[in-house]
């Protein structure tokens, strides 16, 4: 499934890398694209939306 999530407190590419790492920890095969300027995270994953949101939140970011 493809998810597009808004992460308002993602400020830079390092934030994007942290979020990518958090998502890949629960789904190593996930394809993750982060856009700090637009505050968007696109994820192609087999994991549930709830699990992906939880991983981002656990990494210290909010999901709008």
PDB file of N, CA and C in Angstrom:
ATOM      1  N   UNK A   1       0.845  -1.179   0.000  1.00  0.00           N
ATOM      2  CA  UNK A   1       0.000   0.000   0.000  1.00  0.00           C
ATOM      3  C   UNK A   1       0.885   1.236   0.000  1.00  0.00           C
ATOM      4  N   UNK A   2       0.378   2.301  -0.590  1.00  0.00           N
ATOM      5  CA  UNK A   2       1.114   3.560  -0.635  1.00  0.00           C
ATOM      6  C   UNK A   2       0.466   4.541   0.330  1.00  0.00           C
ATOM      7  N   UNK A   3       1.300   5.147   1.163  1.00  0.00           N
ATOM      8  CA  UNK A   3       0.821   6.132   2.133  1.00  0.00           C
ATOM      9  C   UNK A   3       1.498   7.464   1.870  1.00  0.00           C
ATOM     10  N   UNK A   4       0.766   8.547   2.048  1.00  0.00           N
ATOM     11  CA  UNK A   4       1.373   9.869   2.055  1.00  0.00           C
ATOM     12  C   UNK A   4       0.991  10.508   3.383  1.00  0.00           C
ATOM     13  N   UNK A   5       2.003  10.820   4.168  1.00  0.00           N
ATOM     14  CA  UNK A   5       1.774  11.357   5.508  1.00  0.00           C
ATOM     15  C   UNK A   5       2.400  12.738   5.630  1.00  0.00           C
ATOM     16  N   UNK A   6       1.729  13.630   6.344  1.00  0.00           N
ATOM     17  CA  UNK A   6       2.270  14.963   6.611  1.00  0.00           C
ATOM     18  C   UNK A   6       2.944  14.932   7.979  1.00  0.00           C
ATOM     19  N   UNK A   7       4.214  15.350   7.989  1.00  0.00           N
ATOM     20  CA  UNK A   7       5.009  15.360   9.228  1.00  0.00           C
ATOM     21  C   UNK A   7       5.459  16.805   9.455  1.00  0.00           C
ATOM     22  N   UNK A   8       4.631  17.591  10.191  1.00  0.00           N
ATOM     23  CA  UNK A   8       4.876  19.033  10.328  1.00  0.00           C
ATOM     24  C   UNK A   8       6.228  19.417  10.936  1.00  0.00           C
ATOM     25  N   UNK A   9       6.789  18.567  11.803  1.00  0.00           N
ATOM     26  CA  UNK A   9       8.051  18.948  12.450  1.00  0.00           C
ATOM     27  C   UNK A   9       9.280  18.300  11.805  1.00  0.00           C
ATOM     28  N   UNK A  10       9.159  17.824  10.548  1.00  0.00           N
ATOM     29  CA  UNK A  10      10.326  17.353   9.803  1.00  0.00           C
ATOM     30  C   UNK A  10      10.975  18.590   9.180  1.00  0.00           C
ATOM     31  N   UNK A  11      12.188  18.923   9.612  1.00  0.00           N
ATOM     32  CA  UNK A  11      12.802  20.188   9.213  1.00  0.00           C
ATOM     33  C   UNK A  11      13.896  20.071   8.152  1.00  0.00           C
ATOM     34  N   UNK A  12      14.555  18.918   8.063  1.00  0.00           N
ATOM     35  CA  UNK A  12      15.713  18.825   7.174  1.00  0.00           C
ATOM     36  C   UNK A  12      15.899  17.396   6.669  1.00  0.00           C
ATOM     37  N   UNK A  13      16.922  17.199   5.839  1.00  0.00           N
ATOM     38  CA  UNK A  13      17.160  15.870   5.287  1.00  0.00           C
ATOM     39  C   UNK A  13      17.574  14.873   6.370  1.00  0.00           C
ATOM     40  N   UNK A  14      18.220  15.356   7.437  1.00  0.00           N
ATOM     41  CA  UNK A  14      18.579  14.460   8.544  1.00  0.00           C
ATOM     42  C   UNK A  14      17.319  13.934   9.232  1.00  0.00           C
ATOM     43  N   UNK A  15      16.297  14.782   9.349  1.00  0.00           N
ATOM     44  CA  UNK A  15      15.011  14.341   9.895  1.00  0.00           C
ATOM     45  C   UNK A  15      14.428  13.250   8.996  1.00  0.00           C
ATOM     46  N   UNK A  16      14.500  13.480   7.692  1.00  0.00           N
ATOM     47  CA  UNK A  16      14.009  12.502   6.731  1.00  0.00           C
ATOM     48  C   UNK A  16      14.727  11.169   6.864  1.00  0.00           C
ATOM     49  N   UNK A  17      16.043  11.223   7.087  1.00  0.00           N
ATOM     50  CA  UNK A  17      16.829   9.998   7.253  1.00  0.00           C
ATOM     51  C   UNK A  17      16.408   9.254   8.509  1.00  0.00           C
ATOM     52  N   UNK A  18      16.145   9.987   9.584  1.00  0.00           N
ATOM     53  CA  UNK A  18      15.698   9.379  10.841  1.00  0.00           C
ATOM     54  C   UNK A  18      14.349   8.698  10.657  1.00  0.00           C
ATOM     55  N   UNK A  19      13.443   9.367   9.955  1.00  0.00           N
ATOM     56  CA  UNK A  19      12.114   8.814   9.703  1.00  0.00           C
ATOM     57  C   UNK A  19      12.226   7.564   8.823  1.00  0.00           C
ATOM     58  N   UNK A  20      13.060   7.637   7.787  1.00  0.00           N
ATOM     59  CA  UNK A  20      13.266   6.491   6.895  1.00  0.00           C
ATOM     60  C   UNK A  20      13.786   5.293   7.684  1.00  0.00           C
ATOM     61  N   UNK A  21      14.760   5.550   8.555  1.00  0.00           N
ATOM     62  CA  UNK A  21      15.344   4.483   9.385  1.00  0.00           C
ATOM     63  C   UNK A  21      14.282   3.848  10.289  1.00  0.00           C
ATOM     64  N   UNK A  22      13.430   4.683  10.874  1.00  0.00           N
ATOM     65  CA  UNK A  22      12.371   4.195  11.771  1.00  0.00           C
ATOM     66  C   UNK A  22      11.378   3.314  11.015  1.00  0.00           C
ATOM     67  N   UNK A  23      11.019   3.729   9.801  1.00  0.00           N
ATOM     68  CA  UNK A  23      10.071   2.944   9.000  1.00  0.00           C
ATOM     69  C   UNK A  23      10.710   1.626   8.564  1.00  0.00           C
ATOM     70  N   UNK A  24      11.966   1.689   8.123  1.00  0.00           N
ATOM     71  CA  UNK A  24      12.654   0.472   7.673  1.00  0.00           C
ATOM     72  C   UNK A  24      12.913  -0.508   8.816  1.00  0.00           C
ATOM     73  N   UNK A  25      12.886  -0.031  10.055  1.00  0.00           N
ATOM     74  CA  UNK A  25      13.046  -0.917  11.218  1.00  0.00           C
ATOM     75  C   UNK A  25      11.850  -1.858  11.344  1.00  0.00           C
ATOM     76  N   UNK A  26      10.661  -1.385  10.934  1.00  0.00           N
ATOM     77  CA  UNK A  26       9.476  -2.253  11.023  1.00  0.00           C
ATOM     78  C   UNK A  26       9.152  -2.927   9.694  1.00  0.00           C
ATOM     79  N   UNK A  27       9.613  -2.326   8.572  1.00  0.00           N
ATOM     80  CA  UNK A  27       9.412  -2.937   7.253  1.00  0.00           C
ATOM     81  C   UNK A  27      10.663  -2.685   6.406  1.00  0.00           C
ATOM     82  N   UNK A  28      11.621  -3.610   6.475  1.00  0.00           N
ATOM     83  CA  UNK A  28      12.898  -3.437   5.750  1.00  0.00           C
ATOM     84  C   UNK A  28      12.741  -3.287   4.232  1.00  0.00           C
ATOM     85  N   UNK A  29      11.617  -3.739   3.686  1.00  0.00           N
ATOM     86  CA  UNK A  29      11.416  -3.651   2.233  1.00  0.00           C
ATOM     87  C   UNK A  29      10.663  -2.384   1.820  1.00  0.00           C
ATOM     88  N   UNK A  30      10.318  -1.545   2.771  1.00  0.00           N
ATOM     89  CA  UNK A  30       9.555  -0.331   2.462  1.00  0.00           C
ATOM     90  C   UNK A  30      10.363   0.613   1.574  1.00  0.00           C
ATOM     91  N   UNK A  31       9.663   1.263   0.651  1.00  0.00           N
ATOM     92  CA  UNK A  31      10.265   2.328  -0.161  1.00  0.00           C
ATOM     93  C   UNK A  31       9.801   3.646   0.448  1.00  0.00           C
ATOM     94  N   UNK A  32      10.758   4.442   0.904  1.00  0.00           N
ATOM     95  CA  UNK A  32      10.421   5.680   1.622  1.00  0.00           C
ATOM     96  C   UNK A  32      11.002   6.884   0.887  1.00  0.00           C
ATOM     97  N   UNK A  33      10.169   7.899   0.680  1.00  0.00           N
ATOM     98  CA  UNK A  33      10.621   9.166   0.121  1.00  0.00           C
ATOM     99  C   UNK A  33      10.200  10.260   1.083  1.00  0.00           C
ATOM    100  N   UNK A  34      11.152  11.120   1.463  1.00  0.00           N
ATOM    101  CA  UNK A  34      10.829  12.221   2.373  1.00  0.00           C
ATOM    102  C   UNK A  34      11.071  13.547   1.656  1.00  0.00           C
ATOM    103  N   UNK A  35      10.226  14.517   1.931  1.00  0.00           N
ATOM    104  CA  UNK A  35      10.359  15.854   1.363  1.00  0.00           C
ATOM    105  C   UNK A  35      10.222  16.872   2.497  1.00  0.00           C
ATOM    106  N   UNK A  36      11.375  17.247   3.105  1.00  0.00           N
ATOM    107  CA  UNK A  36      11.323  18.186   4.241  1.00  0.00           C
ATOM    108  C   UNK A  36      10.690  19.536   3.893  1.00  0.00           C
ATOM    109  N   UNK A  37      10.852  20.006   2.651  1.00  0.00           N
ATOM    110  CA  UNK A  37      10.275  21.308   2.282  1.00  0.00           C
ATOM    111  C   UNK A  37       8.759  21.273   2.307  1.00  0.00           C
ATOM    112  N   UNK A  38       8.176  20.179   1.800  1.00  0.00           N
ATOM    113  CA  UNK A  38       6.718  20.046   1.785  1.00  0.00           C
ATOM    114  C   UNK A  38       6.198  19.339   3.031  1.00  0.00           C
ATOM    115  N   UNK A  39       7.131  18.848   3.867  1.00  0.00           N
ATOM    116  CA  UNK A  39       6.781  18.133   5.111  1.00  0.00           C
ATOM    117  C   UNK A  39       5.991  16.853   4.823  1.00  0.00           C
ATOM    118  N   UNK A  40       6.340  16.164   3.723  1.00  0.00           N
ATOM    119  CA  UNK A  40       5.635  14.948   3.335  1.00  0.00           C
ATOM    120  C   UNK A  40       6.540  13.732   3.367  1.00  0.00           C
ATOM    121  N   UNK A  41       5.942  12.604   3.739  1.00  0.00           N
ATOM    122  CA  UNK A  41       6.620  11.314   3.696  1.00  0.00           C
ATOM    123  C   UNK A  41       5.750  10.385   2.861  1.00  0.00           C
ATOM    124  N   UNK A  42       6.321   9.840   1.794  1.00  0.00           N
ATOM    125  CA  UNK A  42       5.631   8.853   0.963  1.00  0.00           C
ATOM    126  C   UNK A  42       6.223   7.490   1.255  1.00  0.00           C
ATOM    127  N   UNK A  43       5.371   6.517   1.532  1.00  0.00           N
ATOM    128  CA  UNK A  43       5.829   5.181   1.900  1.00  0.00           C
ATOM    129  C   UNK A  43       5.085   4.128   1.086  1.00  0.00           C
ATOM    130  N   UNK A  44       5.831   3.239   0.472  1.00  0.00           N
ATOM    131  CA  UNK A  44       5.262   2.055  -0.185  1.00  0.00           C
ATOM    132  C   UNK A  44       5.611   0.899   0.748  1.00  0.00           C
ATOM    133  N   UNK A  45       4.609   0.317   1.393  1.00  0.00           N
ATOM    134  CA  UNK A  45       4.879  -0.640   2.465  1.00  0.00           C
ATOM    135  C   UNK A  45       3.823  -1.735   2.546  1.00  0.00           C
ATOM    136  N   UNK A  46       4.206  -2.824   3.202  1.00  0.00           N
ATOM    137  CA  UNK A  46       3.265  -3.900   3.520  1.00  0.00           C
ATOM    138  C   UNK A  46       2.728  -3.732   4.945  1.00  0.00           C
ATOM    139  N   UNK A  47       3.368  -2.849   5.731  1.00  0.00           N
ATOM    140  CA  UNK A  47       2.942  -2.618   7.116  1.00  0.00           C
ATOM    141  C   UNK A  47       1.669  -1.770   7.134  1.00  0.00           C
ATOM    142  N   UNK A  48       0.956  -1.796   8.242  1.00  0.00           N
ATOM    143  CA  UNK A  48      -0.279  -1.020   8.357  1.00  0.00           C
ATOM    144  C   UNK A  48       0.030   0.470   8.536  1.00  0.00           C
ATOM    145  N   UNK A  49      -0.947   1.299   8.197  1.00  0.00           N
ATOM    146  CA  UNK A  49      -0.799   2.746   8.372  1.00  0.00           C
ATOM    147  C   UNK A  49      -0.542   3.070   9.841  1.00  0.00           C
ATOM    148  N   UNK A  50      -1.226   2.372  10.730  1.00  0.00           N
ATOM    149  CA  UNK A  50      -1.054   2.589  12.179  1.00  0.00           C
ATOM    150  C   UNK A  50       0.393   2.302  12.587  1.00  0.00           C
ATOM    151  N   UNK A  51       0.956   1.202  12.076  1.00  0.00           N
ATOM    152  CA  UNK A  51       2.336   0.826  12.420  1.00  0.00           C
ATOM    153  C   UNK A  51       3.335   1.861  11.903  1.00  0.00           C
ATOM    154  N   UNK A  52       3.105   2.359  10.700  1.00  0.00           N
ATOM    155  CA  UNK A  52       4.002   3.367  10.118  1.00  0.00           C
ATOM    156  C   UNK A  52       3.919   4.669  10.913  1.00  0.00           C
ATOM    157  N   UNK A  53       2.695   5.100  11.234  1.00  0.00           N
ATOM    158  CA  UNK A  53       2.524   6.320  12.032  1.00  0.00           C
ATOM    159  C   UNK A  53       3.206   6.164  13.389  1.00  0.00           C
ATOM    160  N   UNK A  54       3.065   4.990  13.999  1.00  0.00           N
ATOM    161  CA  UNK A  54       3.666   4.727  15.307  1.00  0.00           C
ATOM    162  C   UNK A  54       5.185   4.810  15.219  1.00  0.00           C
ATOM    163  N   UNK A  55       5.763   4.255  14.154  1.00  0.00           N
ATOM    164  CA  UNK A  55       7.216   4.293  13.985  1.00  0.00           C
ATOM    165  C   UNK A  55       7.714   5.737  13.873  1.00  0.00           C
ATOM    166  N   UNK A  56       6.991   6.564  13.132  1.00  0.00           N
ATOM    167  CA  UNK A  56       7.366   7.972  12.976  1.00  0.00           C
ATOM    168  C   UNK A  56       7.245   8.705  14.300  1.00  0.00           C
ATOM    169  N   UNK A  57       6.156   8.445  15.020  1.00  0.00           N
ATOM    170  CA  UNK A  57       5.932   9.084  16.325  1.00  0.00           C
ATOM    171  C   UNK A  57       7.012   8.669  17.324  1.00  0.00           C
ATOM    172  N   UNK A  58       7.350   7.378  17.329  1.00  0.00           N
ATOM    173  CA  UNK A  58       8.396   6.870  18.232  1.00  0.00           C
ATOM    174  C   UNK A  58       9.748   7.508  17.932  1.00  0.00           C
ATOM    175  N   UNK A  59       9.980   7.843  16.672  1.00  0.00           N
ATOM    176  CA  UNK A  59      11.236   8.501  16.274  1.00  0.00           C
ATOM    177  C   UNK A  59      11.279   9.971  16.699  1.00  0.00           C
ATOM    178  N   UNK A  60      10.146  10.482  17.223  1.00  0.00           N
ATOM    179  CA  UNK A  60      10.126  11.826  17.752  1.00  0.00           C
ATOM    180  C   UNK A  60       9.430  12.856  16.869  1.00  0.00           C
ATOM    181  N   UNK A  61       8.665  12.390  15.899  1.00  0.00           N
ATOM    182  CA  UNK A  61       7.980  13.296  14.973  1.00  0.00           C
ATOM    183  C   UNK A  61       6.478  13.134  15.087  1.00  0.00           C
ATOM    184  N   UNK A  62       5.764  14.209  14.768  1.00  0.00           N
ATOM    185  CA  UNK A  62       4.302  14.124  14.801  1.00  0.00           C
ATOM    186  C   UNK A  62       3.795  13.855  13.389  1.00  0.00           C
ATOM    187  N   UNK A  63       2.657  13.187  13.300  1.00  0.00           N
ATOM    188  CA  UNK A  63       2.014  12.924  12.022  1.00  0.00           C
ATOM    189  C   UNK A  63       0.664  13.632  12.032  1.00  0.00           C
ATOM    190  N   UNK A  64       0.479  14.534  11.075  1.00  0.00           N
ATOM    191  CA  UNK A  64      -0.771  15.307  11.021  1.00  0.00           C
ATOM    192  C   UNK A  64      -1.883  14.488  10.407  1.00  0.00           C
TER     193      UNK A  64
END
